[in-house]
Amino acid sequence: MGLQHTNLIKRTALFLEEILLRSDHAAVQAKVVGFLGDGNVKSHVLYKNSSLYFIHQAHLLDDMSVRCDFRDRDYVRFDGQRITRIDPDYYLGAAGATTASGASFSFSLSFGESSTNNNNNNNNNNNGNNNG
């Protein structure tokens, strides 16, 4: 087992902790590691409403129901490197509008670097809210 595979296992464990997985840790972890560890670039796993969606190049390849205690309305995306929480309104655009405010916030955890992304900065720049 190489270092890269070991790191993927550790990152997957963090992802499962983030979504508060309650049972079947070994089976779920094996499925996620198998999917992301097969060299599937442009692949990610999306957690939404007690389900994991296995997505490759914007195509849904598989899904599975999981028992989690995650109560936030955000989706959680994992690409093998980063765990990202995404507001559904931001992820789906107008098709995912669930609140009148339309506020969106997401952040990203990047392993090996200290980086936090706030997509509101991009939204403000794109909406002409720059000073100057």
C-alpha atoms as a PDB file:
ATOM      1  CA  MET A   1       0.000   0.000   0.000  1.00  0.00           C
ATOM      2  CA  GLY A   2       1.600   3.260  -1.122  1.00  0.00           C
ATOM      3  CA  LEU A   3       1.706   6.578   0.678  1.00  0.00           C
ATOM      4  CA  GLN A   4      -0.823   8.105  -1.706  1.00  0.00           C
ATOM      5  CA  HIS A   5      -3.307   5.285  -0.982  1.00  0.00           C
ATOM      6  CA  THR A   6      -2.719   5.666   2.774  1.00  0.00           C
ATOM      7  CA  ASN A   7      -3.421   9.401   2.513  1.00  0.00           C
ATOM      8  CA  LEU A   8      -6.634   8.734   0.592  1.00  0.00           C
ATOM      9  CA  ILE A   9      -7.778   6.365   3.343  1.00  0.00           C
ATOM     10  CA  LYS A  10      -7.098   9.039   5.995  1.00  0.00           C
ATOM     11  CA  ARG A  11      -8.837  11.740   3.977  1.00  0.00           C
ATOM     12  CA  THR A  12     -11.816   9.482   3.385  1.00  0.00           C
ATOM     13  CA  ALA A  13     -12.045   8.867   7.140  1.00  0.00           C
ATOM     14  CA  LEU A  14     -12.174  12.656   7.661  1.00  0.00           C
ATOM     15  CA  PHE A  15     -14.912  12.944   5.034  1.00  0.00           C
ATOM     16  CA  LEU A  16     -16.966  10.261   6.803  1.00  0.00           C
ATOM     17  CA  GLU A  17     -16.447  12.073  10.111  1.00  0.00           C
ATOM     18  CA  GLU A  18     -17.622  15.316   8.488  1.00  0.00           C
ATOM     19  CA  ILE A  19     -20.926  13.764   7.417  1.00  0.00           C
ATOM     20  CA  LEU A  20     -21.259  12.027  10.817  1.00  0.00           C
ATOM     21  CA  LEU A  21     -21.535   8.528   9.370  1.00  0.00           C
ATOM     22  CA  ARG A  22     -23.193   6.268  11.955  1.00  0.00           C
ATOM     23  CA  SER A  23     -22.646   2.734  10.654  1.00  0.00           C
ATOM     24  CA  ASP A  24     -20.887   0.560   8.072  1.00  0.00           C
ATOM     25  CA  HIS A  25     -17.702   2.654   8.224  1.00  0.00           C
ATOM     26  CA  ALA A  26     -15.486  -0.043   6.684  1.00  0.00           C
ATOM     27  CA  ALA A  27     -17.833  -0.795   3.774  1.00  0.00           C
ATOM     28  CA  VAL A  28     -18.519   2.863   2.963  1.00  0.00           C
ATOM     29  CA  GLN A  29     -14.842   3.791   3.259  1.00  0.00           C
ATOM     30  CA  ALA A  30     -13.833   0.901   0.991  1.00  0.00           C
ATOM     31  CA  LYS A  31     -16.360   1.990  -1.657  1.00  0.00           C
ATOM     32  CA  VAL A  32     -15.238   5.642  -1.587  1.00  0.00           C
ATOM     33  CA  VAL A  33     -11.524   4.742  -1.635  1.00  0.00           C
ATOM     34  CA  GLY A  34     -12.121   2.254  -4.456  1.00  0.00           C
ATOM     35  CA  PHE A  35     -13.969   4.855  -6.516  1.00  0.00           C
ATOM     36  CA  LEU A  36     -11.544   7.737  -6.004  1.00  0.00           C
ATOM     37  CA  GLY A  37      -8.437   5.532  -5.937  1.00  0.00           C
ATOM     38  CA  ASP A  38      -9.006   4.030  -9.391  1.00  0.00           C
ATOM     39  CA  GLY A  39      -7.359   7.023 -11.023  1.00  0.00           C
ATOM     40  CA  ASN A  40     -10.728   8.646 -11.641  1.00  0.00           C
ATOM     41  CA  VAL A  41      -9.650  12.206 -12.287  1.00  0.00           C
ATOM     42  CA  LYS A  42     -12.531  14.655 -12.401  1.00  0.00           C
ATOM     43  CA  SER A  43     -14.409  12.411  -9.963  1.00  0.00           C
ATOM     44  CA  HIS A  44     -15.972  13.222  -6.652  1.00  0.00           C
ATOM     45  CA  VAL A  45     -18.378  11.894  -4.068  1.00  0.00           C
ATOM     46  CA  LEU A  46     -21.279  14.125  -3.054  1.00  0.00           C
ATOM     47  CA  TYR A  47     -23.174  13.658   0.211  1.00  0.00           C
ATOM     48  CA  LYS A  48     -26.746  14.901   0.042  1.00  0.00           C
ATOM     49  CA  ASN A  49     -29.784  13.901   2.116  1.00  0.00           C
ATOM     50  CA  SER A  50     -28.389  10.663   3.575  1.00  0.00           C
ATOM     51  CA  SER A  51     -27.027   9.479   0.234  1.00  0.00           C
ATOM     52  CA  LEU A  52     -23.603   9.357  -1.380  1.00  0.00           C
ATOM     53  CA  TYR A  53     -23.470  10.089  -5.099  1.00  0.00           C
ATOM     54  CA  PHE A  54     -20.429   8.878  -7.071  1.00  0.00           C
ATOM     55  CA  ILE A  55     -19.882  11.348  -9.917  1.00  0.00           C
ATOM     56  CA  HIS A  56     -17.339  11.136 -12.747  1.00  0.00           C
ATOM     57  CA  GLN A  57     -17.070  13.982 -15.264  1.00  0.00           C
ATOM     58  CA  ALA A  58     -20.534  15.296 -14.317  1.00  0.00           C
ATOM     59  CA  HIS A  59     -22.153  11.859 -14.777  1.00  0.00           C
ATOM     60  CA  LEU A  60     -23.710   9.953 -11.906  1.00  0.00           C
ATOM     61  CA  LEU A  61     -22.147   6.491 -11.871  1.00  0.00           C
ATOM     62  CA  ASP A  62     -23.558   5.118  -8.630  1.00  0.00           C
ATOM     63  CA  ASP A  63     -25.256   6.085  -5.395  1.00  0.00           C
ATOM     64  CA  MET A  64     -25.793   4.559  -1.985  1.00  0.00           C
ATOM     65  CA  SER A  65     -27.889   5.352   1.080  1.00  0.00           C
ATOM     66  CA  VAL A  66     -25.998   5.918   4.321  1.00  0.00           C
ATOM     67  CA  ARG A  67     -27.006   6.499   7.927  1.00  0.00           C
ATOM     68  CA  CYS A  68     -25.619   9.844   9.047  1.00  0.00           C
ATOM     69  CA  ASP A  69     -26.319  12.417  11.740  1.00  0.00           C
ATOM     70  CA  PHE A  70     -25.389  15.357   9.479  1.00  0.00           C
ATOM     71  CA  ARG A  71     -28.198  17.895   9.924  1.00  0.00           C
ATOM     72  CA  ASP A  72     -26.834  20.863   7.998  1.00  0.00           C
ATOM     73  CA  ARG A  73     -28.613  21.796   4.762  1.00  0.00           C
ATOM     74  CA  ASP A  74     -25.264  22.005   2.935  1.00  0.00           C
ATOM     75  CA  TYR A  75     -24.022  19.302   0.597  1.00  0.00           C
ATOM     76  CA  VAL A  76     -20.579  17.841   1.275  1.00  0.00           C
ATOM     77  CA  ARG A  77     -18.279  17.142  -1.697  1.00  0.00           C
ATOM     78  CA  PHE A  78     -15.112  15.027  -1.515  1.00  0.00           C
ATOM     79  CA  ASP A  79     -12.689  14.613  -4.424  1.00  0.00           C
ATOM     80  CA  GLY A  80      -9.986  12.632  -2.649  1.00  0.00           C
ATOM     81  CA  GLN A  81      -8.066  15.812  -1.804  1.00  0.00           C
ATOM     82  CA  ARG A  82     -10.573  18.321  -0.447  1.00  0.00           C
ATOM     83  CA  ILE A  83     -13.758  18.219   1.587  1.00  0.00           C
ATOM     84  CA  THR A  84     -16.061  21.055   0.591  1.00  0.00           C
ATOM     85  CA  ARG A  85     -19.353  22.122   2.122  1.00  0.00           C
ATOM     86  CA  ILE A  86     -21.612  23.670  -0.507  1.00  0.00           C
ATOM     87  CA  ASP A  87     -24.813  25.621  -0.072  1.00  0.00           C
ATOM     88  CA  PRO A  88     -27.455  23.915  -2.295  1.00  0.00           C
ATOM     89  CA  ASP A  89     -28.483  27.290  -3.762  1.00  0.00           C
ATOM     90  CA  TYR A  90     -24.900  27.890  -4.859  1.00  0.00           C
ATOM     91  CA  TYR A  91     -24.415  24.331  -6.171  1.00  0.00           C
ATOM     92  CA  LEU A  92     -27.646  24.179  -8.162  1.00  0.00           C
ATOM     93  CA  GLY A  93     -28.191  27.857  -8.932  1.00  0.00           C
ATOM     94  CA  ALA A  94     -31.798  28.920  -9.457  1.00  0.00           C
ATOM     95  CA  ALA A  95     -32.920  25.279  -9.643  1.00  0.00           C
ATOM     96  CA  GLY A  96     -31.864  24.775  -6.027  1.00  0.00           C
ATOM     97  CA  ALA A  97     -33.404  27.921  -4.553  1.00  0.00           C
ATOM     98  CA  THR A  98     -34.661  26.994  -1.121  1.00  0.00           C
ATOM     99  CA  THR A  99     -34.501  30.316   0.701  1.00  0.00           C
ATOM    100  CA  ALA A 100     -35.637  33.797  -0.122  1.00  0.00           C
ATOM    101  CA  SER A 101     -32.337  35.356   0.936  1.00  0.00           C
ATOM    102  CA  GLY A 102     -30.291  33.530  -1.695  1.00  0.00           C
ATOM    103  CA  ALA A 103     -27.236  33.792   0.554  1.00  0.00           C
ATOM    104  CA  SER A 104     -24.512  31.318  -0.190  1.00  0.00           C
ATOM    105  CA  PHE A 105     -21.405  30.288   1.670  1.00  0.00           C
ATOM    106  CA  SER A 106     -19.023  27.435   1.184  1.00  0.00           C
ATOM    107  CA  PHE A 107     -15.594  26.539   2.402  1.00  0.00           C
ATOM    108  CA  SER A 108     -12.952  24.085   1.395  1.00  0.00           C
ATOM    109  CA  LEU A 109     -10.507  22.039   3.445  1.00  0.00           C
ATOM    110  CA  SER A 110      -7.301  21.438   1.563  1.00  0.00           C
ATOM    111  CA  PHE A 111      -4.919  18.849   2.932  1.00  0.00           C
ATOM    112  CA  GLY A 112      -1.280  19.836   3.078  1.00  0.00           C
ATOM    113  CA  GLU A 113      -2.026  23.528   2.707  1.00  0.00           C
ATOM    114  CA  SER A 114      -3.867  26.057   4.762  1.00  0.00           C
ATOM    115  CA  SER A 115      -6.536  27.416   2.469  1.00  0.00           C
ATOM    116  CA  THR A 116     -10.081  28.523   3.088  1.00  0.00           C
ATOM    117  CA  ASN A 117     -12.224  29.652   0.200  1.00  0.00           C
ATOM    118  CA  ASN A 118     -15.196  31.926   0.612  1.00  0.00           C
ATOM    119  CA  ASN A 119     -17.149  31.979  -2.622  1.00  0.00           C
ATOM    120  CA  ASN A 120     -18.906  35.162  -1.543  1.00  0.00           C
ATOM    121  CA  ASN A 121     -15.733  37.054  -2.517  1.00  0.00           C
ATOM    122  CA  ASN A 122     -16.098  35.795  -6.083  1.00  0.00           C
ATOM    123  CA  ASN A 123     -19.804  36.589  -6.081  1.00  0.00           C
ATOM    124  CA  ASN A 124     -19.125  40.142  -4.915  1.00  0.00           C
ATOM    125  CA  ASN A 125     -16.501  40.642  -7.612  1.00  0.00           C
ATOM    126  CA  ASN A 126     -18.766  39.232 -10.288  1.00  0.00           C
ATOM    127  CA  ASN A 127     -21.694  41.388  -9.200  1.00  0.00           C
ATOM    128  CA  GLY A 128     -19.748  44.624  -9.575  1.00  0.00           C
ATOM    129  CA  ASN A 129     -19.445  45.258  -5.852  1.00  0.00           C
ATOM    130  CA  ASN A 130     -15.809  46.287  -6.102  1.00  0.00           C
ATOM    131  CA  ASN A 131     -14.632  49.497  -4.527  1.00  0.00           C
ATOM    132  CA  GLY A 132     -12.775  51.375  -7.174  1.00  0.00           C
END
